[in-house]
């Protein structure tokens, strides 16, 4: 990586994140920590900015930090099969989550509709539905 005069604060600002995000990525090992010169501050480069932006973009696509670490190791573009497998795995997770969210949306629609039809001093159907859902989930875990 080339050296420049970016401080950690300037890196964070250019990458659109906060300083704690930079430090978190460094602790996770997905953003290299430049050496600290004697009596100086670490200098970050435009490559660091690009890497942080890549990490954030990959996260917005649904990749976990573990996935991002794998993608960064394969960044040379010569490992399309491996990157495709990572993307296929992530797509399967996203697809499953979308199915779950559609089920949740349906349950919410039904509960809201039931709430609109209830009048007087009756137990809230939405609360009752959530409670039943929690009890069903608990019984499946046993």
C-alpha atoms as a PDB file:
ATOM      1  CA  UNK A   1       0.000   0.000   0.000  1.00  0.00           C
ATOM      2  CA  UNK A   2       1.240   3.445  -0.793  1.00  0.00           C
ATOM      3  CA  UNK A   3       1.708   5.923   1.995  1.00  0.00           C
ATOM      4  CA  UNK A   4      -0.037   9.245   2.272  1.00  0.00           C
ATOM      5  CA  UNK A   5      -0.848  11.673   4.987  1.00  0.00           C
ATOM      6  CA  UNK A   6      -4.350  10.514   5.871  1.00  0.00           C
ATOM      7  CA  UNK A   7      -5.003  10.258   9.590  1.00  0.00           C
ATOM      8  CA  UNK A   8      -7.488   7.740  10.903  1.00  0.00           C
ATOM      9  CA  UNK A   9     -10.061  10.535  11.149  1.00  0.00           C
ATOM     10  CA  UNK A  10      -9.483  11.587   7.541  1.00  0.00           C
ATOM     11  CA  UNK A  11      -9.679   7.953   6.426  1.00  0.00           C
ATOM     12  CA  UNK A  12     -12.987   7.548   8.234  1.00  0.00           C
ATOM     13  CA  UNK A  13     -14.371  10.755   6.727  1.00  0.00           C
ATOM     14  CA  UNK A  14     -13.332   9.843   3.173  1.00  0.00           C
ATOM     15  CA  UNK A  15     -14.717   6.324   3.526  1.00  0.00           C
ATOM     16  CA  UNK A  16     -17.996   7.554   5.038  1.00  0.00           C
ATOM     17  CA  UNK A  17     -17.673   5.729   8.362  1.00  0.00           C
ATOM     18  CA  UNK A  18     -16.663   6.672  11.876  1.00  0.00           C
ATOM     19  CA  UNK A  19     -13.280   6.110  13.487  1.00  0.00           C
ATOM     20  CA  UNK A  20     -14.626   3.275  15.646  1.00  0.00           C
ATOM     21  CA  UNK A  21     -15.629   1.408  12.474  1.00  0.00           C
ATOM     22  CA  UNK A  22     -12.042   1.683  11.227  1.00  0.00           C
ATOM     23  CA  UNK A  23     -10.741   0.349  14.535  1.00  0.00           C
ATOM     24  CA  UNK A  24     -13.336  -2.453  14.516  1.00  0.00           C
ATOM     25  CA  UNK A  25     -12.273  -3.541  11.016  1.00  0.00           C
ATOM     26  CA  UNK A  26      -8.658  -3.495  12.166  1.00  0.00           C
ATOM     27  CA  UNK A  27      -9.468  -5.679  15.192  1.00  0.00           C
ATOM     28  CA  UNK A  28     -11.308  -8.094  12.882  1.00  0.00           C
ATOM     29  CA  UNK A  29      -8.224  -8.269  10.658  1.00  0.00           C
ATOM     30  CA  UNK A  30      -9.943  -7.051   7.484  1.00  0.00           C
ATOM     31  CA  UNK A  31      -8.223  -3.675   7.441  1.00  0.00           C
ATOM     32  CA  UNK A  32      -4.459  -3.596   7.867  1.00  0.00           C
ATOM     33  CA  UNK A  33      -3.013  -1.387  10.581  1.00  0.00           C
ATOM     34  CA  UNK A  34      -0.160   0.720   9.216  1.00  0.00           C
ATOM     35  CA  UNK A  35       2.924   0.931  11.400  1.00  0.00           C
ATOM     36  CA  UNK A  36       3.142   3.851  13.785  1.00  0.00           C
ATOM     37  CA  UNK A  37       6.295   5.818  13.164  1.00  0.00           C
ATOM     38  CA  UNK A  38       8.335   6.731  16.194  1.00  0.00           C
ATOM     39  CA  UNK A  39       6.776   9.861  17.700  1.00  0.00           C
ATOM     40  CA  UNK A  40       4.168  10.033  14.988  1.00  0.00           C
ATOM     41  CA  UNK A  41       0.731   9.005  13.925  1.00  0.00           C
ATOM     42  CA  UNK A  42      -0.229   6.231  11.568  1.00  0.00           C
ATOM     43  CA  UNK A  43      -0.618   7.246   7.947  1.00  0.00           C
ATOM     44  CA  UNK A  44      -3.368   5.751   5.836  1.00  0.00           C
ATOM     45  CA  UNK A  45      -3.536   5.679   2.056  1.00  0.00           C
ATOM     46  CA  UNK A  46      -6.191   5.855  -0.629  1.00  0.00           C
ATOM     47  CA  UNK A  47      -5.985   2.053  -0.756  1.00  0.00           C
ATOM     48  CA  UNK A  48      -7.275   1.987   2.823  1.00  0.00           C
ATOM     49  CA  UNK A  49     -10.176   4.220   1.772  1.00  0.00           C
ATOM     50  CA  UNK A  50     -10.963   1.894  -1.146  1.00  0.00           C
ATOM     51  CA  UNK A  51     -10.822  -1.147   1.129  1.00  0.00           C
ATOM     52  CA  UNK A  52     -13.205   0.353   3.693  1.00  0.00           C
ATOM     53  CA  UNK A  53     -15.603   1.345   0.919  1.00  0.00           C
ATOM     54  CA  UNK A  54     -15.413  -2.218  -0.453  1.00  0.00           C
ATOM     55  CA  UNK A  55     -16.175  -3.642   2.991  1.00  0.00           C
ATOM     56  CA  UNK A  56     -19.192  -1.362   3.428  1.00  0.00           C
ATOM     57  CA  UNK A  57     -20.465  -2.128  -0.085  1.00  0.00           C
ATOM     58  CA  UNK A  58     -20.121  -5.878   0.489  1.00  0.00           C
ATOM     59  CA  UNK A  59     -21.981  -5.569   3.797  1.00  0.00           C
ATOM     60  CA  UNK A  60     -24.778  -3.671   2.055  1.00  0.00           C
ATOM     61  CA  UNK A  61     -25.080  -6.663  -0.307  1.00  0.00           C
ATOM     62  CA  UNK A  62     -25.655  -8.876   2.741  1.00  0.00           C
ATOM     63  CA  UNK A  63     -22.167 -10.350   3.088  1.00  0.00           C
ATOM     64  CA  UNK A  64     -20.991 -11.016   6.633  1.00  0.00           C
ATOM     65  CA  UNK A  65     -17.595  -9.796   7.802  1.00  0.00           C
ATOM     66  CA  UNK A  66     -16.366 -13.372   7.499  1.00  0.00           C
ATOM     67  CA  UNK A  67     -17.543 -13.400   3.868  1.00  0.00           C
ATOM     68  CA  UNK A  68     -15.863 -10.031   3.324  1.00  0.00           C
ATOM     69  CA  UNK A  69     -12.590 -11.393   4.705  1.00  0.00           C
ATOM     70  CA  UNK A  70     -12.809 -14.289   2.245  1.00  0.00           C
ATOM     71  CA  UNK A  71     -13.621 -11.938  -0.641  1.00  0.00           C
ATOM     72  CA  UNK A  72     -10.679  -9.712   0.271  1.00  0.00           C
ATOM     73  CA  UNK A  73      -8.355 -12.707   0.204  1.00  0.00           C
ATOM     74  CA  UNK A  74      -9.665 -13.481  -3.282  1.00  0.00           C
ATOM     75  CA  UNK A  75      -9.581  -9.862  -4.466  1.00  0.00           C
ATOM     76  CA  UNK A  76      -7.151 -10.431  -7.326  1.00  0.00           C
ATOM     77  CA  UNK A  77     -10.034 -11.493  -9.548  1.00  0.00           C
ATOM     78  CA  UNK A  78      -8.435 -14.805 -10.453  1.00  0.00           C
ATOM     79  CA  UNK A  79     -10.662 -16.854  -8.153  1.00  0.00           C
ATOM     80  CA  UNK A  80     -14.089 -16.399  -9.704  1.00  0.00           C
ATOM     81  CA  UNK A  81     -15.227 -19.916  -8.752  1.00  0.00           C
ATOM     82  CA  UNK A  82     -14.503 -19.296  -5.071  1.00  0.00           C
ATOM     83  CA  UNK A  83     -16.106 -15.846  -5.044  1.00  0.00           C
ATOM     84  CA  UNK A  84     -19.143 -17.226  -6.895  1.00  0.00           C
ATOM     85  CA  UNK A  85     -19.571 -19.921  -4.211  1.00  0.00           C
ATOM     86  CA  UNK A  86     -19.444 -17.279  -1.474  1.00  0.00           C
ATOM     87  CA  UNK A  87     -22.054 -15.231  -3.352  1.00  0.00           C
ATOM     88  CA  UNK A  88     -24.259 -18.298  -3.929  1.00  0.00           C
ATOM     89  CA  UNK A  89     -24.150 -19.119  -0.207  1.00  0.00           C
ATOM     90  CA  UNK A  90     -25.057 -15.535   0.656  1.00  0.00           C
ATOM     91  CA  UNK A  91     -27.885 -15.550  -1.912  1.00  0.00           C
ATOM     92  CA  UNK A  92     -29.326 -18.678  -0.286  1.00  0.00           C
ATOM     93  CA  UNK A  93     -29.285 -16.955   3.122  1.00  0.00           C
ATOM     94  CA  UNK A  94     -30.888 -13.801   1.688  1.00  0.00           C
ATOM     95  CA  UNK A  95     -33.541 -15.851  -0.124  1.00  0.00           C
ATOM     96  CA  UNK A  96     -34.389 -17.756   3.086  1.00  0.00           C
ATOM     97  CA  UNK A  97     -34.574 -14.481   5.009  1.00  0.00           C
ATOM     98  CA  UNK A  98     -36.881 -12.981   2.369  1.00  0.00           C
ATOM     99  CA  UNK A  99     -39.176 -16.007   2.720  1.00  0.00           C
ATOM    100  CA  UNK A 100     -39.200 -15.522   6.496  1.00  0.00           C
ATOM    101  CA  UNK A 101     -39.949 -11.810   6.094  1.00  0.00           C
ATOM    102  CA  UNK A 102     -42.835 -12.564   3.702  1.00  0.00           C
ATOM    103  CA  UNK A 103     -44.271 -14.904   6.372  1.00  0.00           C
ATOM    104  CA  UNK A 104     -43.860 -12.203   9.022  1.00  0.00           C
ATOM    105  CA  UNK A 105     -45.519  -9.635   6.734  1.00  0.00           C
ATOM    106  CA  UNK A 106     -48.467 -11.983   6.198  1.00  0.00           C
ATOM    107  CA  UNK A 107     -48.826 -12.623   9.922  1.00  0.00           C
ATOM    108  CA  UNK A 108     -48.713  -8.878  10.606  1.00  0.00           C
ATOM    109  CA  UNK A 109     -51.337  -8.174   7.915  1.00  0.00           C
ATOM    110  CA  UNK A 110     -53.669 -10.792   9.402  1.00  0.00           C
ATOM    111  CA  UNK A 111     -53.160  -9.531  12.961  1.00  0.00           C
ATOM    112  CA  UNK A 112     -53.699  -5.905  11.914  1.00  0.00           C
ATOM    113  CA  UNK A 113     -56.873  -6.849  10.064  1.00  0.00           C
ATOM    114  CA  UNK A 114     -58.103  -8.723  13.121  1.00  0.00           C
ATOM    115  CA  UNK A 115     -57.290  -5.707  15.317  1.00  0.00           C
ATOM    116  CA  UNK A 116     -59.481  -3.534  13.092  1.00  0.00           C
ATOM    117  CA  UNK A 117     -62.477  -5.850  13.521  1.00  0.00           C
ATOM    118  CA  UNK A 118     -62.284  -6.202  17.318  1.00  0.00           C
ATOM    119  CA  UNK A 119     -64.211  -3.759  19.470  1.00  0.00           C
ATOM    120  CA  UNK A 120     -64.799  -3.422  23.175  1.00  0.00           C
ATOM    121  CA  UNK A 121     -62.871  -5.010  26.008  1.00  0.00           C
ATOM    122  CA  UNK A 122     -61.200  -7.898  24.235  1.00  0.00           C
ATOM    123  CA  UNK A 123     -57.697  -9.231  24.307  1.00  0.00           C
ATOM    124  CA  UNK A 124     -55.590  -7.594  21.602  1.00  0.00           C
ATOM    125  CA  UNK A 125     -55.365 -10.089  18.732  1.00  0.00           C
ATOM    126  CA  UNK A 126     -51.897  -8.882  17.707  1.00  0.00           C
ATOM    127  CA  UNK A 127     -50.498  -9.451  21.191  1.00  0.00           C
ATOM    128  CA  UNK A 128     -52.225 -12.841  21.339  1.00  0.00           C
ATOM    129  CA  UNK A 129     -50.786 -13.800  17.923  1.00  0.00           C
ATOM    130  CA  UNK A 130     -47.261 -12.845  18.951  1.00  0.00           C
ATOM    131  CA  UNK A 131     -47.673 -14.736  22.211  1.00  0.00           C
ATOM    132  CA  UNK A 132     -48.899 -17.863  20.371  1.00  0.00           C
ATOM    133  CA  UNK A 133     -45.992 -17.551  17.944  1.00  0.00           C
ATOM    134  CA  UNK A 134     -43.513 -17.382  20.819  1.00  0.00           C
ATOM    135  CA  UNK A 135     -45.074 -20.383  22.529  1.00  0.00           C
ATOM    136  CA  UNK A 136     -44.958 -22.364  19.280  1.00  0.00           C
ATOM    137  CA  UNK A 137     -41.304 -21.491  18.777  1.00  0.00           C
ATOM    138  CA  UNK A 138     -40.484 -22.478  22.349  1.00  0.00           C
ATOM    139  CA  UNK A 139     -42.202 -25.849  21.987  1.00  0.00           C
ATOM    140  CA  UNK A 140     -40.257 -26.547  18.778  1.00  0.00           C
ATOM    141  CA  UNK A 141     -36.970 -25.938  20.615  1.00  0.00           C
ATOM    142  CA  UNK A 142     -37.651 -28.609  23.236  1.00  0.00           C
END
